[in-house]
Amino acid sequence: MDVDVWVRGRQDAIIGKIEGIPEHAAEWTDEDVRSLLEQMLLALDRAKNPGGERPQISLRGFSWIVSPDARGVLVHLEMQSGTASAGPFEIEEAKLTEMISRVMGGPKPSTLIH
């Protein structure tokens, strides 16, 4: 699958490749989601530092959002160095958002009524 990468300060986007993730997003596991995020971050790094050594990956220090698309949902990552977008994926927006939140170690949604 492709990932669109925009490096800050450059005029054009680069299309990178993501491999090893199942085609059917509705069947993804948390590990598949982690791999998606890591590969998106690596694609951004390769675009910014072509030929550089592979960096350590930390799922911290960037913003992310799952947004609807006519054909499914898109995943967008944004860092100071640029952005990466992948999709569309055929999966419910809420389900993918919850999976990314869990993989990122974010707060658990509350089921309490306040």
C-alpha atoms as a PDB file:
ATOM      1  CA  MET A   1       0.000   0.000   0.000  1.00  0.00           C
ATOM      2  CA  ASP A   2       1.077   3.575  -0.541  1.00  0.00           C
ATOM      3  CA  VAL A   3       1.779   6.358   1.919  1.00  0.00           C
ATOM      4  CA  ASP A   4       1.849   9.991   0.803  1.00  0.00           C
ATOM      5  CA  VAL A   5       4.645  11.952   2.474  1.00  0.00           C
ATOM      6  CA  TRP A   6       5.119  15.717   2.602  1.00  0.00           C
ATOM      7  CA  VAL A   7       8.383  17.031   4.041  1.00  0.00           C
ATOM      8  CA  ARG A   8       8.179  20.570   5.384  1.00  0.00           C
ATOM      9  CA  GLY A   9       9.983  23.056   3.184  1.00  0.00           C
ATOM     10  CA  ARG A  10       9.592  20.997   0.012  1.00  0.00           C
ATOM     11  CA  GLN A  11       7.088  21.638  -2.754  1.00  0.00           C
ATOM     12  CA  ASP A  12       6.200  18.085  -3.756  1.00  0.00           C
ATOM     13  CA  ALA A  13       4.855  14.965  -2.109  1.00  0.00           C
ATOM     14  CA  ILE A  14       6.609  11.616  -2.208  1.00  0.00           C
ATOM     15  CA  ILE A  15       4.825   8.283  -2.436  1.00  0.00           C
ATOM     16  CA  GLY A  16       6.325   5.612  -0.203  1.00  0.00           C
ATOM     17  CA  LYS A  17       5.470   1.955   0.235  1.00  0.00           C
ATOM     18  CA  ILE A  18       4.134   0.090   3.258  1.00  0.00           C
ATOM     19  CA  GLU A  19       4.474  -3.683   3.218  1.00  0.00           C
ATOM     20  CA  GLY A  20       3.470  -6.656   5.305  1.00  0.00           C
ATOM     21  CA  ILE A  21       0.127  -5.350   6.526  1.00  0.00           C
ATOM     22  CA  PRO A  22      -3.001  -7.373   5.696  1.00  0.00           C
ATOM     23  CA  GLU A  23      -5.119  -5.912   2.924  1.00  0.00           C
ATOM     24  CA  HIS A  24      -8.411  -6.148   4.839  1.00  0.00           C
ATOM     25  CA  ALA A  25      -8.213  -3.492   7.544  1.00  0.00           C
ATOM     26  CA  ALA A  26     -11.310  -4.781   9.340  1.00  0.00           C
ATOM     27  CA  GLU A  27      -9.215  -7.846  10.295  1.00  0.00           C
ATOM     28  CA  TRP A  28      -6.195  -5.899  11.610  1.00  0.00           C
ATOM     29  CA  THR A  29      -4.710  -6.641  15.001  1.00  0.00           C
ATOM     30  CA  ASP A  30      -3.011  -4.099  17.247  1.00  0.00           C
ATOM     31  CA  GLU A  31       0.327  -5.326  15.871  1.00  0.00           C
ATOM     32  CA  ASP A  32      -0.832  -4.549  12.325  1.00  0.00           C
ATOM     33  CA  VAL A  33      -1.785  -1.028  13.433  1.00  0.00           C
ATOM     34  CA  ARG A  34       1.579  -0.603  15.197  1.00  0.00           C
ATOM     35  CA  SER A  35       3.355  -1.725  12.010  1.00  0.00           C
ATOM     36  CA  LEU A  36       1.300   0.744   9.936  1.00  0.00           C
ATOM     37  CA  LEU A  37       2.247   3.665  12.197  1.00  0.00           C
ATOM     38  CA  GLU A  38       5.908   2.648  12.355  1.00  0.00           C
ATOM     39  CA  GLN A  39       6.145   2.257   8.588  1.00  0.00           C
ATOM     40  CA  MET A  40       4.473   5.626   8.034  1.00  0.00           C
ATOM     41  CA  LEU A  41       7.045   7.236  10.345  1.00  0.00           C
ATOM     42  CA  LEU A  42       9.882   5.450   8.524  1.00  0.00           C
ATOM     43  CA  ALA A  43       8.536   6.631   5.149  1.00  0.00           C
ATOM     44  CA  LEU A  44       8.630  10.207   6.434  1.00  0.00           C
ATOM     45  CA  ASP A  45      12.182   9.731   7.688  1.00  0.00           C
ATOM     46  CA  ARG A  46      13.315   8.222   4.358  1.00  0.00           C
ATOM     47  CA  ALA A  47      11.824  11.183   2.491  1.00  0.00           C
ATOM     48  CA  LYS A  48      13.574  13.666   4.773  1.00  0.00           C
ATOM     49  CA  ASN A  49      16.879  11.744   5.059  1.00  0.00           C
ATOM     50  CA  PRO A  50      17.315   9.608   1.918  1.00  0.00           C
ATOM     51  CA  GLY A  51      20.041   7.039   2.346  1.00  0.00           C
ATOM     52  CA  GLY A  52      20.303   7.666   6.088  1.00  0.00           C
ATOM     53  CA  GLU A  53      20.431   4.957   8.729  1.00  0.00           C
ATOM     54  CA  ARG A  54      17.140   3.588   9.981  1.00  0.00           C
ATOM     55  CA  PRO A  55      16.253   5.463  13.176  1.00  0.00           C
ATOM     56  CA  GLN A  56      14.828   4.036  16.377  1.00  0.00           C
ATOM     57  CA  ILE A  57      11.048   4.240  16.273  1.00  0.00           C
ATOM     58  CA  SER A  58       9.025   5.701  19.103  1.00  0.00           C
ATOM     59  CA  LEU A  59       5.286   6.103  18.889  1.00  0.00           C
ATOM     60  CA  ARG A  60       5.540   9.474  20.610  1.00  0.00           C
ATOM     61  CA  GLY A  61       6.016  13.069  19.535  1.00  0.00           C
ATOM     62  CA  PHE A  62       3.508  13.275  16.697  1.00  0.00           C
ATOM     63  CA  SER A  63      -0.164  13.995  16.151  1.00  0.00           C
ATOM     64  CA  TRP A  64      -2.477  11.596  14.388  1.00  0.00           C
ATOM     65  CA  ILE A  65      -6.042  11.465  13.162  1.00  0.00           C
ATOM     66  CA  VAL A  66      -8.317   8.998  11.421  1.00  0.00           C
ATOM     67  CA  SER A  67     -10.535  10.820   8.927  1.00  0.00           C
ATOM     68  CA  PRO A  68     -13.416   9.643   6.748  1.00  0.00           C
ATOM     69  CA  ASP A  69     -13.013   9.246   3.008  1.00  0.00           C
ATOM     70  CA  ALA A  70     -15.567   8.276   0.361  1.00  0.00           C
ATOM     71  CA  ARG A  71     -13.879   4.857   0.159  1.00  0.00           C
ATOM     72  CA  GLY A  72     -13.168   4.234   3.866  1.00  0.00           C
ATOM     73  CA  VAL A  73     -10.873   6.078   6.289  1.00  0.00           C
ATOM     74  CA  LEU A  74      -7.461   7.701   6.045  1.00  0.00           C
ATOM     75  CA  VAL A  75      -4.725   7.795   8.693  1.00  0.00           C
ATOM     76  CA  HIS A  76      -2.693  10.996   8.946  1.00  0.00           C
ATOM     77  CA  LEU A  77       0.453  11.529  11.035  1.00  0.00           C
ATOM     78  CA  GLU A  78       1.948  14.965  11.573  1.00  0.00           C
ATOM     79  CA  MET A  79       5.339  15.871  12.957  1.00  0.00           C
ATOM     80  CA  GLN A  80       7.382  19.026  12.859  1.00  0.00           C
ATOM     81  CA  SER A  81       9.375  17.509   9.976  1.00  0.00           C
ATOM     82  CA  GLY A  82       6.310  16.754   7.832  1.00  0.00           C
ATOM     83  CA  THR A  83       3.210  14.631   7.399  1.00  0.00           C
ATOM     84  CA  ALA A  84       2.331  11.154   6.181  1.00  0.00           C
ATOM     85  CA  SER A  85      -1.085   9.929   5.052  1.00  0.00           C
ATOM     86  CA  ALA A  86      -2.192   6.397   4.198  1.00  0.00           C
ATOM     87  CA  GLY A  87      -5.420   4.837   3.063  1.00  0.00           C
ATOM     88  CA  PRO A  88      -8.223   4.585   2.334  1.00  0.00           C
ATOM     89  CA  PHE A  89      -8.869   1.596   4.529  1.00  0.00           C
ATOM     90  CA  GLU A  90     -12.186  -0.243   4.789  1.00  0.00           C
ATOM     91  CA  ILE A  91     -12.677  -0.168   8.556  1.00  0.00           C
ATOM     92  CA  GLU A  92     -14.958   1.771  10.868  1.00  0.00           C
ATOM     93  CA  GLU A  93     -13.469   5.127  11.865  1.00  0.00           C
ATOM     94  CA  ALA A  94     -14.237   4.570  15.557  1.00  0.00           C
ATOM     95  CA  LYS A  95     -12.665   1.090  15.552  1.00  0.00           C
ATOM     96  CA  LEU A  96      -9.399   2.245  13.961  1.00  0.00           C
ATOM     97  CA  THR A  97      -9.269   5.311  16.222  1.00  0.00           C
ATOM     98  CA  GLU A  98      -9.660   3.069  19.270  1.00  0.00           C
ATOM     99  CA  MET A  99      -6.971   0.674  18.024  1.00  0.00           C
ATOM    100  CA  ILE A 100      -4.495   3.493  17.387  1.00  0.00           C
ATOM    101  CA  SER A 101      -5.242   4.964  20.818  1.00  0.00           C
ATOM    102  CA  ARG A 102      -4.580   1.588  22.423  1.00  0.00           C
ATOM    103  CA  VAL A 103      -1.335   1.041  20.460  1.00  0.00           C
ATOM    104  CA  MET A 104      -0.161   4.548  21.326  1.00  0.00           C
ATOM    105  CA  GLY A 105      -0.907   3.914  25.007  1.00  0.00           C
ATOM    106  CA  GLY A 106      -3.395   6.757  25.139  1.00  0.00           C
ATOM    107  CA  PRO A 107      -6.202   7.233  27.605  1.00  0.00           C
ATOM    108  CA  LYS A 108      -8.915   4.617  27.628  1.00  0.00           C
ATOM    109  CA  PRO A 109     -12.353   5.914  26.669  1.00  0.00           C
ATOM    110  CA  SER A 110     -14.630   6.245  29.662  1.00  0.00           C
ATOM    111  CA  THR A 111     -17.949   4.436  29.739  1.00  0.00           C
ATOM    112  CA  LEU A 112     -19.074   6.435  32.768  1.00  0.00           C
ATOM    113  CA  ILE A 113     -21.754   9.070  32.496  1.00  0.00           C
ATOM    114  CA  HIS A 114     -20.811  12.229  34.337  1.00  0.00           C
END
